[in-house]
C-alpha atoms as a PDB file:
ATOM      1  CA  MET A   1     203.379 146.302 101.903  1.00  0.00           C
ATOM      2  CA  LYS A   2     201.181 143.676 103.519  1.00  0.00           C
ATOM      3  CA  GLN A   3     203.261 143.748 106.706  1.00  0.00           C
ATOM      4  CA  PHE A   4     202.908 147.536 106.868  1.00  0.00           C
ATOM      5  CA  ILE A   5     199.124 147.267 106.548  1.00  0.00           C
ATOM      6  CA  ASP A   6     199.071 144.756 109.413  1.00  0.00           C
ATOM      7  CA  PHE A   7     201.083 147.192 111.554  1.00  0.00           C
ATOM      8  CA  LEU A   8     199.019 150.262 110.622  1.00  0.00           C
ATOM      9  CA  PRO A   9     196.500 150.013 113.516  1.00  0.00           C
ATOM     10  CA  LEU A  10     199.405 149.543 115.936  1.00  0.00           C
ATOM     11  CA  ILE A  11     201.211 152.618 114.586  1.00  0.00           C
ATOM     12  CA  ILE A  12     198.069 154.723 114.979  1.00  0.00           C
ATOM     13  CA  PHE A  13     197.643 153.318 118.496  1.00  0.00           C
ATOM     14  CA  PHE A  14     201.210 154.371 119.341  1.00  0.00           C
ATOM     15  CA  ILE A  15     200.697 157.932 118.073  1.00  0.00           C
ATOM     16  CA  VAL A  16     197.432 158.446 119.975  1.00  0.00           C
ATOM     17  CA  ALA A  17     198.703 156.765 123.162  1.00  0.00           C
ATOM     18  CA  LYS A  18     201.703 159.105 123.284  1.00  0.00           C
ATOM     19  CA  MET A  19     199.499 162.214 122.990  1.00  0.00           C
ATOM     20  CA  ASP A  20     198.442 164.093 126.099  1.00  0.00           C
ATOM     21  CA  PRO A  21     194.660 163.730 126.494  1.00  0.00           C
ATOM     22  CA  ARG A  22     192.848 166.647 124.890  1.00  0.00           C
ATOM     23  CA  GLU A  23     189.439 167.531 123.581  1.00  0.00           C
ATOM     24  CA  VAL A  24     188.941 167.858 119.844  1.00  0.00           C
ATOM     25  CA  SER A  25     185.906 168.983 117.903  1.00  0.00           C
ATOM     26  CA  ALA A  26     184.689 167.084 114.842  1.00  0.00           C
ATOM     27  CA  PHE A  27     181.316 166.818 113.109  1.00  0.00           C
ATOM     28  CA  GLY A  28     179.812 169.130 115.689  1.00  0.00           C
ATOM     29  CA  GLN A  29     180.828 166.839 118.551  1.00  0.00           C
ATOM     30  CA  ILE A  30     183.518 167.010 121.217  1.00  0.00           C
ATOM     31  CA  PHE A  31     185.798 163.984 121.455  1.00  0.00           C
ATOM     32  CA  GLU A  32     188.685 163.122 123.762  1.00  0.00           C
ATOM     33  CA  LEU A  33     191.914 162.226 122.002  1.00  0.00           C
ATOM     34  CA  GLY A  34     195.058 160.872 123.607  1.00  0.00           C
ATOM     35  CA  GLY A  35     196.008 158.413 126.340  1.00  0.00           C
ATOM     36  CA  ILE A  36     195.938 154.620 126.540  1.00  0.00           C
ATOM     37  CA  ILE A  37     192.194 154.079 126.861  1.00  0.00           C
ATOM     38  CA  ASN A  38     191.343 156.353 123.954  1.00  0.00           C
ATOM     39  CA  ALA A  39     194.159 154.856 121.884  1.00  0.00           C
ATOM     40  CA  THR A  40     192.773 151.380 122.570  1.00  0.00           C
ATOM     41  CA  ALA A  41     189.340 152.390 121.284  1.00  0.00           C
ATOM     42  CA  ILE A  42     190.999 153.726 118.132  1.00  0.00           C
ATOM     43  CA  LEU A  43     193.051 150.499 117.853  1.00  0.00           C
ATOM     44  CA  ILE A  44     189.828 148.498 117.827  1.00  0.00           C
ATOM     45  CA  ALA A  45     188.218 150.754 115.198  1.00  0.00           C
ATOM     46  CA  THR A  46     191.259 150.873 112.895  1.00  0.00           C
ATOM     47  CA  SER A  47     191.790 147.103 113.191  1.00  0.00           C
ATOM     48  CA  VAL A  48     188.202 146.457 112.137  1.00  0.00           C
ATOM     49  CA  ILE A  49     188.557 148.870 109.204  1.00  0.00           C
ATOM     50  CA  VAL A  50     191.943 147.516 108.030  1.00  0.00           C
ATOM     51  CA  TYR A  51     190.998 143.849 108.255  1.00  0.00           C
ATOM     52  CA  SER A  52     187.601 144.492 106.690  1.00  0.00           C
ATOM     53  CA  LEU A  53     189.335 146.127 103.719  1.00  0.00           C
ATOM     54  CA  LEU A  54     191.794 143.232 103.492  1.00  0.00           C
ATOM     55  CA  TRP A  55     188.921 140.753 103.571  1.00  0.00           C
ATOM     56  CA  TYR A  56     187.086 142.734 100.890  1.00  0.00           C
ATOM     57  CA  LYS A  57     190.180 142.750  98.661  1.00  0.00           C
ATOM     58  CA  GLN A  58     191.395 139.190  99.292  1.00  0.00           C
ATOM     59  CA  LYS A  59     187.989 137.571 100.002  1.00  0.00           C
ATOM     60  CA  SER A  60     189.587 135.979 103.049  1.00  0.00           C
ATOM     61  CA  LEU A  61     191.890 136.602 106.011  1.00  0.00           C
ATOM     62  CA  GLU A  62     194.803 134.529 107.215  1.00  0.00           C
ATOM     63  CA  LYS A  63     194.225 132.583 110.419  1.00  0.00           C
ATOM     64  CA  GLY A  64     196.818 134.697 112.195  1.00  0.00           C
ATOM     65  CA  GLN A  65     195.019 137.882 111.166  1.00  0.00           C
ATOM     66  CA  ILE A  66     191.683 136.500 112.366  1.00  0.00           C
ATOM     67  CA  PHE A  67     193.174 135.564 115.733  1.00  0.00           C
ATOM     68  CA  THR A  68     194.917 138.937 116.096  1.00  0.00           C
ATOM     69  CA  LEU A  69     191.680 140.783 115.303  1.00  0.00           C
ATOM     70  CA  ALA A  70     189.758 138.652 117.814  1.00  0.00           C
ATOM     71  CA  ALA A  71     192.377 139.366 120.503  1.00  0.00           C
ATOM     72  CA  VAL A  72     192.170 143.107 119.820  1.00  0.00           C
ATOM     73  CA  MET A  73     188.376 143.033 119.938  1.00  0.00           C
ATOM     74  CA  ILE A  74     188.156 141.042 123.174  1.00  0.00           C
ATOM     75  CA  LEU A  75     191.057 142.422 125.208  1.00  0.00           C
ATOM     76  CA  GLY A  76     190.707 145.921 123.737  1.00  0.00           C
ATOM     77  CA  THR A  77     187.006 146.091 124.577  1.00  0.00           C
ATOM     78  CA  MET A  78     187.713 144.928 128.139  1.00  0.00           C
ATOM     79  CA  THR A  79     190.415 147.606 128.427  1.00  0.00           C
ATOM     80  CA  VAL A  80     187.986 150.330 127.346  1.00  0.00           C
ATOM     81  CA  LEU A  81     185.031 149.084 129.418  1.00  0.00           C
ATOM     82  CA  PHE A  82     187.002 148.636 132.638  1.00  0.00           C
ATOM     83  CA  ARG A  83     189.419 151.458 131.854  1.00  0.00           C
ATOM     84  CA  ASP A  84     192.285 149.138 132.754  1.00  0.00           C
ATOM     85  CA  GLU A  85     195.248 148.749 130.388  1.00  0.00           C
ATOM     86  CA  THR A  86     196.209 145.415 131.981  1.00  0.00           C
ATOM     87  CA  PHE A  87     193.896 143.588 129.588  1.00  0.00           C
ATOM     88  CA  LEU A  88     195.597 145.116 126.545  1.00  0.00           C
ATOM     89  CA  LYS A  89     199.038 144.371 127.963  1.00  0.00           C
ATOM     90  CA  TRP A  90     198.214 140.660 127.803  1.00  0.00           C
ATOM     91  CA  LYS A  91     197.403 140.793 124.082  1.00  0.00           C
ATOM     92  CA  ALA A  92     200.961 140.547 122.680  1.00  0.00           C
ATOM     93  CA  PRO A  93     202.143 137.754 125.023  1.00  0.00           C
ATOM     94  CA  ILE A  94     198.990 135.696 124.433  1.00  0.00           C
ATOM     95  CA  VAL A  95     199.040 136.146 120.640  1.00  0.00           C
ATOM     96  CA  ASN A  96     202.729 135.211 120.389  1.00  0.00           C
ATOM     97  CA  TRP A  97     202.365 132.183 122.667  1.00  0.00           C
ATOM     98  CA  VAL A  98     199.336 130.937 120.724  1.00  0.00           C
ATOM     99  CA  PHE A  99     201.361 131.262 117.496  1.00  0.00           C
ATOM    100  CA  ALA A 100     204.181 129.301 119.176  1.00  0.00           C
ATOM    101  CA  LEU A 101     201.716 126.550 120.139  1.00  0.00           C
ATOM    102  CA  ALA A 102     200.312 126.471 116.598  1.00  0.00           C
ATOM    103  CA  PHE A 103     203.774 126.017 115.071  1.00  0.00           C
ATOM    104  CA  LEU A 104     204.705 123.453 117.730  1.00  0.00           C
ATOM    105  CA  GLY A 105     201.510 121.467 117.233  1.00  0.00           C
ATOM    106  CA  SER A 106     202.132 121.303 113.501  1.00  0.00           C
ATOM    107  CA  GLN A 107     205.372 119.434 114.211  1.00  0.00           C
ATOM    108  CA  PHE A 108     203.244 116.472 115.337  1.00  0.00           C
ATOM    109  CA  ILE A 109     199.827 116.999 113.720  1.00  0.00           C
ATOM    110  CA  GLY A 110     199.367 116.756 109.969  1.00  0.00           C
ATOM    111  CA  SER A 111     201.748 115.782 107.216  1.00  0.00           C
ATOM    112  CA  LYS A 112     203.597 119.119 107.053  1.00  0.00           C
ATOM    113  CA  PRO A 113     204.809 121.633 109.626  1.00  0.00           C
ATOM    114  CA  LEU A 114     203.059 124.981 109.535  1.00  0.00           C
ATOM    115  CA  ILE A 115     205.967 126.902 108.028  1.00  0.00           C
ATOM    116  CA  GLU A 116     206.102 124.450 105.107  1.00  0.00           C
ATOM    117  CA  ARG A 117     202.393 124.967 104.437  1.00  0.00           C
ATOM    118  CA  MET A 118     203.025 128.706 104.374  1.00  0.00           C
ATOM    119  CA  LEU A 119     206.178 128.769 102.240  1.00  0.00           C
ATOM    120  CA  SER A 120     206.296 125.575 100.167  1.00  0.00           C
ATOM    121  CA  HIS A 121     204.842 127.442  97.180  1.00  0.00           C
ATOM    122  CA  ALA A 122     207.900 129.715  97.206  1.00  0.00           C
ATOM    123  CA  MET A 123     210.706 127.250  97.920  1.00  0.00           C
ATOM    124  CA  LYS A 124     211.458 123.550  98.205  1.00  0.00           C
ATOM    125  CA  LEU A 125     213.516 122.289 101.117  1.00  0.00           C
ATOM    126  CA  PRO A 126     214.447 118.891 102.554  1.00  0.00           C
ATOM    127  CA  GLN A 127     211.815 117.762 105.063  1.00  0.00           C
ATOM    128  CA  GLU A 128     214.216 117.853 107.998  1.00  0.00           C
ATOM    129  CA  VAL A 129     215.030 121.485 107.185  1.00  0.00           C
ATOM    130  CA  TRP A 130     211.341 122.426 107.201  1.00  0.00           C
ATOM    131  CA  TYR A 131     211.057 120.954 110.701  1.00  0.00           C
ATOM    132  CA  LYS A 132     214.128 122.872 111.905  1.00  0.00           C
ATOM    133  CA  VAL A 133     212.797 126.132 110.475  1.00  0.00           C
ATOM    134  CA  ASN A 134     209.375 125.472 111.962  1.00  0.00           C
ATOM    135  CA  LEU A 135     210.907 124.783 115.369  1.00  0.00           C
ATOM    136  CA  SER A 136     212.885 128.020 115.165  1.00  0.00           C
ATOM    137  CA  TRP A 137     209.563 129.895 114.814  1.00  0.00           C
ATOM    138  CA  VAL A 138     208.300 128.102 117.922  1.00  0.00           C
ATOM    139  CA  VAL A 139     211.317 129.370 119.859  1.00  0.00           C
ATOM    140  CA  PHE A 140     211.010 132.859 118.370  1.00  0.00           C
ATOM    141  CA  PHE A 141     207.320 133.308 119.222  1.00  0.00           C
ATOM    142  CA  THR A 142     207.864 131.867 122.711  1.00  0.00           C
ATOM    143  CA  LEU A 143     210.685 134.305 123.445  1.00  0.00           C
ATOM    144  CA  LEU A 144     208.890 137.232 121.815  1.00  0.00           C
ATOM    145  CA  GLY A 145     205.844 136.557 123.979  1.00  0.00           C
ATOM    146  CA  ALA A 146     208.066 136.463 127.066  1.00  0.00           C
ATOM    147  CA  ALA A 147     209.756 139.714 126.033  1.00  0.00           C
ATOM    148  CA  ASN A 148     206.366 141.396 125.606  1.00  0.00           C
ATOM    149  CA  TRP A 149     205.240 140.106 128.999  1.00  0.00           C
ATOM    150  CA  PHE A 150     208.429 141.426 130.620  1.00  0.00           C
ATOM    151  CA  ALA A 151     208.063 144.831 128.940  1.00  0.00           C
ATOM    152  CA  ALA A 152     204.418 145.081 129.991  1.00  0.00           C
ATOM    153  CA  PHE A 153     204.547 143.879 133.581  1.00  0.00           C
ATOM    154  CA  MET A 154     208.136 144.039 134.813  1.00  0.00           C
ATOM    155  CA  VAL A 155     209.184 147.460 133.500  1.00  0.00           C
ATOM    156  CA  SER A 156     207.534 150.566 134.913  1.00  0.00           C
ATOM    157  CA  GLY A 157     206.008 153.329 132.823  1.00  0.00           C
ATOM    158  CA  ASP A 158     204.902 153.188 129.214  1.00  0.00           C
ATOM    159  CA  PHE A 159     207.955 151.343 127.902  1.00  0.00           C
ATOM    160  CA  TRP A 160     205.635 148.500 126.879  1.00  0.00           C
ATOM    161  CA  ILE A 161     203.983 150.783 124.309  1.00  0.00           C
ATOM    162  CA  ASP A 162     207.336 151.522 122.656  1.00  0.00           C
ATOM    163  CA  PHE A 163     208.296 147.850 122.745  1.00  0.00           C
ATOM    164  CA  LYS A 164     204.888 146.757 121.455  1.00  0.00           C
ATOM    165  CA  VAL A 165     205.391 148.816 118.302  1.00  0.00           C
ATOM    166  CA  PHE A 166     209.119 149.116 117.661  1.00  0.00           C
ATOM    167  CA  GLY A 167     210.569 146.242 119.689  1.00  0.00           C
ATOM    168  CA  ASN A 168     208.339 143.651 118.041  1.00  0.00           C
ATOM    169  CA  LEU A 169     208.996 145.088 114.598  1.00  0.00           C
ATOM    170  CA  ILE A 170     212.784 145.180 115.018  1.00  0.00           C
ATOM    171  CA  LEU A 171     213.018 141.704 116.546  1.00  0.00           C
ATOM    172  CA  THR A 172     210.767 140.195 113.886  1.00  0.00           C
ATOM    173  CA  PHE A 173     212.749 141.865 111.103  1.00  0.00           C
ATOM    174  CA  ALA A 174     216.047 140.652 112.597  1.00  0.00           C
ATOM    175  CA  PHE A 175     214.716 137.107 112.936  1.00  0.00           C
ATOM    176  CA  VAL A 176     213.473 137.041 109.342  1.00  0.00           C
ATOM    177  CA  ILE A 177     216.916 138.215 108.149  1.00  0.00           C
ATOM    178  CA  ILE A 178     218.572 135.400 110.133  1.00  0.00           C
ATOM    179  CA  GLN A 179     216.093 132.927 108.641  1.00  0.00           C
ATOM    180  CA  PHE A 180     216.879 134.157 105.149  1.00  0.00           C
ATOM    181  CA  MET A 181     220.609 133.780 105.763  1.00  0.00           C
ATOM    182  CA  PHE A 182     220.022 130.213 106.965  1.00  0.00           C
ATOM    183  CA  LEU A 183     217.750 129.291 104.042  1.00  0.00           C
ATOM    184  CA  ASN A 184     219.970 130.989 101.470  1.00  0.00           C
ATOM    185  CA  ARG A 185     222.329 128.013 101.498  1.00  0.00           C
ATOM    186  CA  TYR A 186     219.497 125.909 100.062  1.00  0.00           C
ATOM    187  CA  LEU A 187     218.769 128.343  97.252  1.00  0.00           C
ATOM    188  CA  GLN A 188     220.823 128.792  94.109  1.00  0.00           C
ATOM    189  CA  ASP A 189     220.108 131.641  91.737  1.00  0.00           C
ATOM    190  CA  GLY A 190     216.587 131.919  93.084  1.00  0.00           C
ATOM    191  CA  GLN A 191     215.897 128.206  92.405  1.00  0.00           C
ATOM    192  CA  PRO A 192     215.520 125.461  95.014  1.00  0.00           C
ATOM    193  CA  ALA A 193     218.755 123.633  95.667  1.00  0.00           C
ATOM    194  CA  HIS A 194     216.799 120.525  96.543  1.00  0.00           C
ATOM    195  CA  SER A 195     215.003 118.961  93.616  1.00  0.00           C
ATOM    196  CA  ASP A 196     212.683 116.013  93.081  1.00  0.00           C
ATOM    197  CA  LYS A 197     214.470 115.160  89.834  1.00  0.00           C
ATOM    198  CA  PRO A 198     216.626 112.039  89.986  1.00  0.00           C
ATOM    199  CA  GLU A 199     220.327 112.629  89.640  1.00  0.00           C
END
Protein backbone atom coordinates (compact mmCIF):
# COMPACT_ATOMS: atom_id res chain seq x y z
CA MET A 1 0.00 0.00 0.00
CA LYS A 2 2.80 2.38 0.93
CA GLN A 3 4.56 1.76 -2.38
CA PHE A 4 1.34 2.54 -4.26
CA ILE A 5 0.96 5.83 -2.38
CA ASP A 6 4.54 6.77 -3.31
CA PHE A 7 3.74 6.04 -6.98
CA LEU A 8 0.39 7.87 -6.97
CA PRO A 9 1.74 11.30 -8.08
CA LEU A 10 3.69 9.57 -10.87
CA ILE A 11 0.59 7.70 -12.07
CA ILE A 12 -1.40 10.94 -12.18
CA PHE A 13 1.51 12.59 -14.03
CA PHE A 14 1.44 9.79 -16.61
CA ILE A 15 -2.31 10.12 -17.21
CA VAL A 16 -2.20 13.91 -17.64
CA ALA A 17 0.98 13.85 -19.76
CA LYS A 18 -0.62 11.41 -22.21
CA MET A 19 -3.70 13.62 -22.67
CA ASP A 20 -3.90 16.02 -25.58
CA PRO A 21 -3.84 19.59 -24.21
CA ARG A 22 -7.36 20.90 -23.71
CA GLU A 23 -9.18 23.57 -21.80
CA VAL A 24 -11.37 22.56 -18.88
CA SER A 25 -13.67 24.67 -16.75
CA ALA A 26 -13.70 24.35 -12.96
CA PHE A 27 -14.73 26.71 -10.15
CA GLY A 28 -15.62 29.35 -12.70
CA GLN A 29 -12.11 29.33 -14.17
CA ILE A 30 -10.61 27.96 -17.37
CA PHE A 31 -7.62 25.67 -16.95
CA GLU A 32 -5.39 23.87 -19.44
CA LEU A 33 -5.10 20.13 -18.91
CA GLY A 34 -2.77 17.77 -20.71
CA GLY A 35 0.82 17.74 -21.97
CA ILE A 36 4.17 17.49 -20.20
CA ILE A 37 4.35 20.98 -18.70
CA ASN A 38 0.85 20.82 -17.26
CA ALA A 39 1.45 17.28 -16.03
CA THR A 40 4.61 18.45 -14.27
CA ALA A 41 2.69 21.17 -12.43
CA ILE A 42 0.18 18.54 -11.32
CA LEU A 43 3.06 16.22 -10.31
CA ILE A 44 4.39 18.94 -8.01
CA ALA A 45 0.95 19.59 -6.48
CA THR A 46 0.07 15.91 -5.96
CA SER A 47 3.52 15.15 -4.52
CA VAL A 48 3.13 17.93 -1.96
CA ILE A 49 -0.36 16.68 -1.05
CA VAL A 50 0.63 12.99 -0.81
CA TYR A 51 3.78 13.56 1.23
CA SER A 52 2.05 16.10 3.45
CA LEU A 53 -0.63 13.50 4.24
CA LEU A 54 2.05 10.87 4.89
CA TRP A 55 3.87 13.26 7.20
CA TYR A 56 0.62 14.06 9.01
CA LYS A 57 -0.13 10.35 9.49
CA GLN A 58 3.39 9.13 10.30
CA LYS A 59 4.73 12.35 11.91
CA SER A 60 7.80 11.94 9.73
CA LEU A 61 9.01 11.10 6.22
CA GLU A 62 11.74 8.71 5.17
CA LYS A 63 14.93 10.32 3.90
CA GLY A 64 14.30 8.88 0.45
CA GLN A 65 10.84 10.44 0.37
CA ILE A 66 12.22 13.82 1.45
CA PHE A 67 14.87 13.71 -1.26
CA THR A 68 12.36 12.62 -3.92
CA LEU A 69 9.99 15.44 -2.95
CA ALA A 70 12.84 17.97 -3.06
CA ALA A 71 13.87 16.74 -6.53
CA VAL A 72 10.29 17.04 -7.78
CA MET A 73 9.96 20.53 -6.34
CA ILE A 74 13.25 21.82 -7.75
CA LEU A 75 13.42 20.14 -11.16
CA GLY A 76 9.64 20.23 -11.63
CA THR A 77 9.47 23.96 -10.90
CA MET A 78 12.32 24.61 -13.34
CA THR A 79 10.48 22.55 -15.97
CA VAL A 80 7.31 24.61 -15.54
CA LEU A 81 9.05 28.00 -15.34
CA PHE A 82 11.27 27.45 -18.38
CA ARG A 83 8.74 25.23 -20.14
CA ASP A 84 11.53 22.73 -20.81
CA GLU A 85 11.04 19.05 -19.97
CA THR A 86 14.82 18.47 -19.91
CA PHE A 87 14.93 19.42 -16.24
CA LEU A 88 12.31 16.82 -15.33
CA LYS A 89 14.06 14.17 -17.41
CA TRP A 90 17.08 14.47 -15.11
CA LYS A 91 15.02 13.74 -11.98
CA ALA A 92 14.96 9.91 -12.19
CA PRO A 93 18.67 9.48 -13.07
CA ILE A 94 19.77 11.90 -10.34
CA VAL A 95 17.51 10.39 -7.66
CA ASN A 96 18.63 6.83 -8.46
CA TRP A 97 22.32 7.76 -8.56
CA VAL A 98 22.06 9.61 -5.24
CA PHE A 99 20.43 6.51 -3.72
CA ALA A 100 23.28 4.41 -5.15
CA LEU A 101 25.83 6.75 -3.54
CA ALA A 102 23.98 6.61 -0.22
CA PHE A 103 24.02 2.80 -0.18
CA LEU A 104 27.66 2.75 -1.32
CA GLY A 105 28.74 5.25 1.32
CA SER A 106 27.10 3.17 4.03
CA GLN A 107 29.45 0.31 3.14
CA PHE A 108 32.30 2.39 4.59
CA ILE A 109 30.64 4.91 6.92
CA GLY A 110 28.94 3.81 10.12
CA SER A 111 28.69 0.44 11.78
CA LYS A 112 25.96 -0.97 9.51
CA PRO A 113 25.22 -0.78 5.79
CA LEU A 114 22.09 1.13 4.89
CA ILE A 115 20.03 -1.92 3.94
CA GLU A 116 20.71 -3.47 7.36
CA ARG A 117 19.49 -0.31 9.09
CA MET A 118 16.32 -0.52 7.02
CA LEU A 119 15.58 -4.24 7.38
CA SER A 120 17.32 -5.51 10.53
CA HIS A 121 14.06 -5.18 12.48
CA ALA A 122 12.48 -7.72 10.11
CA MET A 123 15.29 -10.25 9.68
CA LYS A 124 18.70 -11.20 11.01
CA LEU A 125 21.48 -12.04 8.58
CA PRO A 126 25.23 -12.67 8.80
CA GLN A 127 27.12 -9.39 8.47
CA GLU A 128 28.79 -10.39 5.22
CA VAL A 129 25.36 -11.08 3.71
CA TRP A 130 24.12 -7.61 4.69
CA TYR A 131 27.08 -6.11 2.83
CA LYS A 132 26.40 -8.22 -0.27
CA VAL A 133 22.73 -7.25 -0.26
CA ASN A 134 23.62 -3.60 0.27
CA LEU A 135 26.09 -3.71 -2.62
CA SER A 136 23.44 -5.25 -4.86
CA TRP A 137 21.25 -2.17 -4.21
CA VAL A 138 24.19 0.03 -5.21
CA VAL A 139 24.41 -1.81 -8.53
CA PHE A 140 20.64 -1.76 -9.00
CA PHE A 141 20.23 1.99 -8.42
CA THR A 142 23.27 2.74 -10.61
CA LEU A 143 21.87 0.71 -13.51
CA LEU A 144 18.33 2.00 -13.00
CA GLY A 145 19.62 5.57 -13.13
CA ALA A 146 21.50 4.77 -16.34
CA ALA A 147 18.39 3.16 -17.84
CA ASN A 148 16.33 6.25 -17.01
CA TRP A 149 18.98 8.50 -18.53
CA PHE A 150 19.03 6.38 -21.70
CA ALA A 151 15.23 6.39 -21.96
CA ALA A 152 15.10 10.16 -21.46
CA PHE A 153 17.93 11.35 -23.67
CA MET A 154 18.83 8.59 -26.12
CA VAL A 155 15.36 7.47 -27.23
CA SER A 156 13.19 9.86 -29.22
CA GLY A 157 9.60 10.70 -28.39
CA ASP A 158 7.80 10.25 -25.10
CA PHE A 159 9.10 6.75 -24.37
CA TRP A 160 10.76 8.16 -21.25
CA ILE A 161 7.32 8.88 -19.75
CA ASP A 162 6.27 5.24 -20.17
CA PHE A 163 9.59 4.02 -18.79
CA LYS A 164 9.48 6.49 -15.90
CA VAL A 165 6.21 4.99 -14.69
CA PHE A 166 6.08 1.37 -15.82
CA GLY A 167 9.73 0.56 -16.53
CA ASN A 168 10.87 1.66 -13.08
CA LEU A 169 8.01 -0.16 -11.40
CA ILE A 170 8.59 -3.44 -13.27
CA LEU A 171 12.37 -3.40 -12.81
CA THR A 172 12.08 -2.57 -9.11
CA PHE A 173 9.50 -5.31 -8.58
CA ALA A 174 11.68 -7.85 -10.43
CA PHE A 175 14.73 -6.87 -8.40
CA VAL A 176 12.86 -7.18 -5.10
CA ILE A 177 11.67 -10.67 -6.13
CA ILE A 178 15.27 -11.68 -6.91
CA GLN A 179 16.37 -10.27 -3.55
CA PHE A 180 13.67 -12.26 -1.78
CA MET A 181 14.74 -15.45 -3.54
CA PHE A 182 18.34 -14.80 -2.45
CA LEU A 183 17.41 -14.00 1.16
CA ASN A 184 14.94 -16.87 1.42
CA ARG A 185 17.80 -19.32 1.95
CA TYR A 186 18.55 -17.53 5.22
CA LEU A 187 14.98 -17.74 6.46
CA GLN A 188 13.28 -20.82 7.85
CA ASP A 189 9.57 -20.82 8.54
CA GLY A 190 9.58 -17.05 8.75
CA GLN A 191 12.35 -17.08 11.40
CA PRO A 192 15.96 -15.98 10.91
CA ALA A 193 18.25 -18.85 10.04
CA HIS A 194 21.12 -17.04 11.69
CA SER A 195 20.80 -16.74 15.44
CA ASP A 196 22.79 -15.15 18.24
CA LYS A 197 22.13 -18.16 20.46
CA PRO A 198 25.15 -20.39 21.05
CA GLU A 199 24.91 -23.84 19.56
